Amino acid sequence: MAKCDAEDEWEYRQPTGVLAKAPLSNAVRVGDMIFIAGQIGIDEAGKLVPGGVGEQARACLESIKTLLESMGASMADVAQTRVYLTDFAGYADYNRVYQEYFSAPFPARATVGTPMLALGAEIEIEAIAVRRKS
């Protein structure tokens, strides 16, 4: 992938709170493409959101929504998501919440099983969006 020459074509959102010292960006915009790092269901204090995978999914998607809005985009601009689940028994709960944030035509999506996530989270969601021209 070729790097954009113009410095203003790149924009970053650094994590805050418990993740502030982590060597990552929560989101990177390159031109009209926005890459959202994996979000887990934590509150502002860095604690896992109670209520299981459904409520953690909601927290993940709210974080993604906030990051996109900070870069002039919305959930409707999401082209792809990648979801990591520690237990597929929670698939229906996560899928129900997911459909509160996305509607047809849905983004491309992969759901991957993993034995463990950071801080003991049950779900992590990352996204790629393309800002639509007005």
C-alpha atoms as a PDB file:
ATOM      1  CA  MET A   1       0.000   0.000   0.000  1.00  0.00           C
ATOM      2  CA  ALA A   2       1.432   3.362  -0.986  1.00  0.00           C
ATOM      3  CA  LYS A   3       1.746   5.993   1.731  1.00  0.00           C
ATOM      4  CA  CYS A   4      -0.014   9.311   1.157  1.00  0.00           C
ATOM      5  CA  ASP A   5       2.455  12.150   0.607  1.00  0.00           C
ATOM      6  CA  ALA A   6       0.417  14.873   2.276  1.00  0.00           C
ATOM      7  CA  GLU A   7       0.853  14.946   6.062  1.00  0.00           C
ATOM      8  CA  ASP A   8      -2.752  16.128   6.498  1.00  0.00           C
ATOM      9  CA  GLU A   9      -4.001  12.911   4.871  1.00  0.00           C
ATOM     10  CA  TRP A  10      -3.095  11.020   8.078  1.00  0.00           C
ATOM     11  CA  GLU A  11      -5.027  11.508  11.331  1.00  0.00           C
ATOM     12  CA  TYR A  12      -4.721   9.538  14.589  1.00  0.00           C
ATOM     13  CA  ARG A  13      -6.791   8.993  17.733  1.00  0.00           C
ATOM     14  CA  GLN A  14      -4.771   7.907  20.742  1.00  0.00           C
ATOM     15  CA  PRO A  15      -6.334   5.849  23.535  1.00  0.00           C
ATOM     16  CA  THR A  16      -7.194   7.505  26.826  1.00  0.00           C
ATOM     17  CA  GLY A  17      -7.659   6.215  30.341  1.00  0.00           C
ATOM     18  CA  VAL A  18      -6.280   2.786  31.168  1.00  0.00           C
ATOM     19  CA  LEU A  19      -4.923   2.312  27.612  1.00  0.00           C
ATOM     20  CA  ALA A  20      -3.222   5.712  27.341  1.00  0.00           C
ATOM     21  CA  LYS A  21       0.279   4.239  27.625  1.00  0.00           C
ATOM     22  CA  ALA A  22      -0.345   1.395  25.171  1.00  0.00           C
ATOM     23  CA  PRO A  23       1.748   1.571  21.979  1.00  0.00           C
ATOM     24  CA  LEU A  24      -1.212   1.850  19.612  1.00  0.00           C
ATOM     25  CA  SER A  25      -3.698   4.202  18.010  1.00  0.00           C
ATOM     26  CA  ASN A  26      -7.413   3.579  18.542  1.00  0.00           C
ATOM     27  CA  ALA A  27      -8.065   4.844  15.031  1.00  0.00           C
ATOM     28  CA  VAL A  28      -6.070   5.942  12.001  1.00  0.00           C
ATOM     29  CA  ARG A  29      -7.513   7.843   9.063  1.00  0.00           C
ATOM     30  CA  VAL A  30      -5.649   7.740   5.756  1.00  0.00           C
ATOM     31  CA  GLY A  31      -7.507   9.859   3.221  1.00  0.00           C
ATOM     32  CA  ASP A  32     -11.122   8.660   3.396  1.00  0.00           C
ATOM     33  CA  MET A  33     -10.268   5.268   4.902  1.00  0.00           C
ATOM     34  CA  ILE A  34     -10.545   4.816   8.667  1.00  0.00           C
ATOM     35  CA  PHE A  35      -9.017   1.867  10.508  1.00  0.00           C
ATOM     36  CA  ILE A  36     -10.412   1.237  13.999  1.00  0.00           C
ATOM     37  CA  ALA A  37      -8.278  -0.897  16.325  1.00  0.00           C
ATOM     38  CA  GLY A  38      -9.925  -3.720  18.221  1.00  0.00           C
ATOM     39  CA  GLN A  39     -12.250  -2.340  20.894  1.00  0.00           C
ATOM     40  CA  ILE A  40     -13.155  -4.319  23.999  1.00  0.00           C
ATOM     41  CA  GLY A  41     -16.140  -3.729  26.267  1.00  0.00           C
ATOM     42  CA  ILE A  42     -14.644  -1.595  29.008  1.00  0.00           C
ATOM     43  CA  ASP A  43     -15.938   1.476  30.803  1.00  0.00           C
ATOM     44  CA  GLU A  44     -14.072   4.761  31.322  1.00  0.00           C
ATOM     45  CA  ALA A  45     -12.323   3.322  34.394  1.00  0.00           C
ATOM     46  CA  GLY A  46     -10.978   0.423  32.314  1.00  0.00           C
ATOM     47  CA  LYS A  47     -13.238  -2.174  33.919  1.00  0.00           C
ATOM     48  CA  LEU A  48     -15.115  -4.761  31.868  1.00  0.00           C
ATOM     49  CA  VAL A  49     -18.745  -3.812  31.320  1.00  0.00           C
ATOM     50  CA  PRO A  50     -21.015  -6.204  33.268  1.00  0.00           C
ATOM     51  CA  GLY A  51     -23.822  -8.111  31.584  1.00  0.00           C
ATOM     52  CA  GLY A  52     -21.964 -10.556  29.380  1.00  0.00           C
ATOM     53  CA  VAL A  53     -21.097 -10.578  25.718  1.00  0.00           C
ATOM     54  CA  GLY A  54     -24.145  -8.571  24.619  1.00  0.00           C
ATOM     55  CA  GLU A  55     -23.351  -5.595  26.839  1.00  0.00           C
ATOM     56  CA  GLN A  56     -19.641  -5.839  26.031  1.00  0.00           C
ATOM     57  CA  ALA A  57     -20.549  -5.815  22.316  1.00  0.00           C
ATOM     58  CA  ARG A  58     -22.614  -2.659  22.881  1.00  0.00           C
ATOM     59  CA  ALA A  59     -19.651  -0.964  24.592  1.00  0.00           C
ATOM     60  CA  CYS A  60     -17.349  -1.996  21.719  1.00  0.00           C
ATOM     61  CA  LEU A  61     -19.743  -0.648  19.101  1.00  0.00           C
ATOM     62  CA  GLU A  62     -20.308   2.595  21.025  1.00  0.00           C
ATOM     63  CA  SER A  63     -16.525   3.108  21.113  1.00  0.00           C
ATOM     64  CA  ILE A  64     -16.322   2.475  17.367  1.00  0.00           C
ATOM     65  CA  LYS A  65     -19.204   4.885  16.742  1.00  0.00           C
ATOM     66  CA  THR A  66     -17.531   7.615  18.826  1.00  0.00           C
ATOM     67  CA  LEU A  67     -14.181   7.163  17.060  1.00  0.00           C
ATOM     68  CA  LEU A  68     -15.814   7.278  13.622  1.00  0.00           C
ATOM     69  CA  GLU A  69     -17.783  10.417  14.485  1.00  0.00           C
ATOM     70  CA  SER A  70     -14.568  12.089  15.692  1.00  0.00           C
ATOM     71  CA  MET A  71     -13.198  11.549  12.167  1.00  0.00           C
ATOM     72  CA  GLY A  72     -16.265  12.743  10.272  1.00  0.00           C
ATOM     73  CA  ALA A  73     -17.766   9.316   9.584  1.00  0.00           C
ATOM     74  CA  SER A  74     -20.599   7.151  10.891  1.00  0.00           C
ATOM     75  CA  MET A  75     -21.503   3.517  11.365  1.00  0.00           C
ATOM     76  CA  ALA A  76     -23.084   3.619   7.895  1.00  0.00           C
ATOM     77  CA  ASP A  77     -19.566   4.121   6.499  1.00  0.00           C
ATOM     78  CA  VAL A  78     -18.252   0.826   7.921  1.00  0.00           C
ATOM     79  CA  ALA A  79     -17.208  -1.534   5.130  1.00  0.00           C
ATOM     80  CA  GLN A  80     -15.835  -4.395   7.241  1.00  0.00           C
ATOM     81  CA  THR A  81     -15.745  -5.627  10.819  1.00  0.00           C
ATOM     82  CA  ARG A  82     -13.718  -8.374  12.446  1.00  0.00           C
ATOM     83  CA  VAL A  83     -15.119  -9.800  15.663  1.00  0.00           C
ATOM     84  CA  TYR A  84     -13.273 -11.996  18.151  1.00  0.00           C
ATOM     85  CA  LEU A  85     -15.312 -14.137  20.556  1.00  0.00           C
ATOM     86  CA  THR A  86     -13.991 -16.242  23.420  1.00  0.00           C
ATOM     87  CA  ASP A  87     -17.145 -18.386  23.467  1.00  0.00           C
ATOM     88  CA  PHE A  88     -19.529 -18.908  20.564  1.00  0.00           C
ATOM     89  CA  ALA A  89     -22.316 -19.556  23.074  1.00  0.00           C
ATOM     90  CA  GLY A  90     -22.599 -15.744  23.124  1.00  0.00           C
ATOM     91  CA  TYR A  91     -22.955 -15.456  19.333  1.00  0.00           C
ATOM     92  CA  ALA A  92     -26.714 -14.806  19.372  1.00  0.00           C
ATOM     93  CA  ASP A  93     -26.383 -12.072  22.020  1.00  0.00           C
ATOM     94  CA  TYR A  94     -23.602 -10.301  20.129  1.00  0.00           C
ATOM     95  CA  ASN A  95     -25.448 -10.668  16.822  1.00  0.00           C
ATOM     96  CA  ARG A  96     -28.625  -9.121  18.311  1.00  0.00           C
ATOM     97  CA  VAL A  97     -26.682  -6.064  19.529  1.00  0.00           C
ATOM     98  CA  TYR A  98     -24.699  -5.860  16.268  1.00  0.00           C
ATOM     99  CA  GLN A  99     -27.976  -5.476  14.348  1.00  0.00           C
ATOM    100  CA  GLU A 100     -28.879  -2.457  16.490  1.00  0.00           C
ATOM    101  CA  TYR A 101     -25.849  -0.667  14.983  1.00  0.00           C
ATOM    102  CA  PHE A 102     -25.829  -2.020  11.422  1.00  0.00           C
ATOM    103  CA  SER A 103     -28.589  -2.729   8.923  1.00  0.00           C
ATOM    104  CA  ALA A 104     -28.746  -4.111   5.396  1.00  0.00           C
ATOM    105  CA  PRO A 105     -26.634  -3.886   3.421  1.00  0.00           C
ATOM    106  CA  PHE A 106     -24.387  -5.065   6.264  1.00  0.00           C
ATOM    107  CA  PRO A 107     -20.622  -4.583   6.322  1.00  0.00           C
ATOM    108  CA  ALA A 108     -18.479  -7.564   5.386  1.00  0.00           C
ATOM    109  CA  ARG A 109     -17.770  -9.440   8.618  1.00  0.00           C
ATOM    110  CA  ALA A 110     -15.561 -12.162  10.000  1.00  0.00           C
ATOM    111  CA  THR A 111     -16.196 -13.720  13.407  1.00  0.00           C
ATOM    112  CA  VAL A 112     -13.194 -15.495  14.878  1.00  0.00           C
ATOM    113  CA  GLY A 113     -13.020 -17.727  17.926  1.00  0.00           C
ATOM    114  CA  THR A 114     -10.123 -17.061  20.282  1.00  0.00           C
ATOM    115  CA  PRO A 115      -9.221 -18.598  23.642  1.00  0.00           C
ATOM    116  CA  MET A 116      -8.525 -15.279  25.403  1.00  0.00           C
ATOM    117  CA  LEU A 117      -8.801 -11.494  24.998  1.00  0.00           C
ATOM    118  CA  ALA A 118      -7.228  -8.568  26.854  1.00  0.00           C
ATOM    119  CA  LEU A 119      -8.502  -7.939  30.392  1.00  0.00           C
ATOM    120  CA  GLY A 120     -10.649 -11.084  30.198  1.00  0.00           C
ATOM    121  CA  ALA A 121     -13.050  -9.556  27.661  1.00  0.00           C
ATOM    122  CA  GLU A 122     -15.515 -11.883  25.943  1.00  0.00           C
ATOM    123  CA  ILE A 123     -15.559  -9.917  22.663  1.00  0.00           C
ATOM    124  CA  GLU A 124     -13.353  -7.548  20.664  1.00  0.00           C
ATOM    125  CA  ILE A 125     -14.445  -5.712  17.517  1.00  0.00           C
ATOM    126  CA  GLU A 126     -12.341  -3.872  14.930  1.00  0.00           C
ATOM    127  CA  ALA A 127     -13.614  -2.003  11.878  1.00  0.00           C
ATOM    128  CA  ILE A 128     -12.622  -0.450   8.573  1.00  0.00           C
ATOM    129  CA  ALA A 129     -14.696   2.431   7.223  1.00  0.00           C
ATOM    130  CA  VAL A 130     -14.642   4.620   4.135  1.00  0.00           C
ATOM    131  CA  ARG A 131     -15.977   8.163   4.539  1.00  0.00           C
ATOM    132  CA  ARG A 132     -18.634   8.825   1.950  1.00  0.00           C
ATOM    133  CA  LYS A 133     -18.403  11.969  -0.156  1.00  0.00           C
ATOM    134  CA  SER A 134     -21.179  14.449   0.572  1.00  0.00           C
END
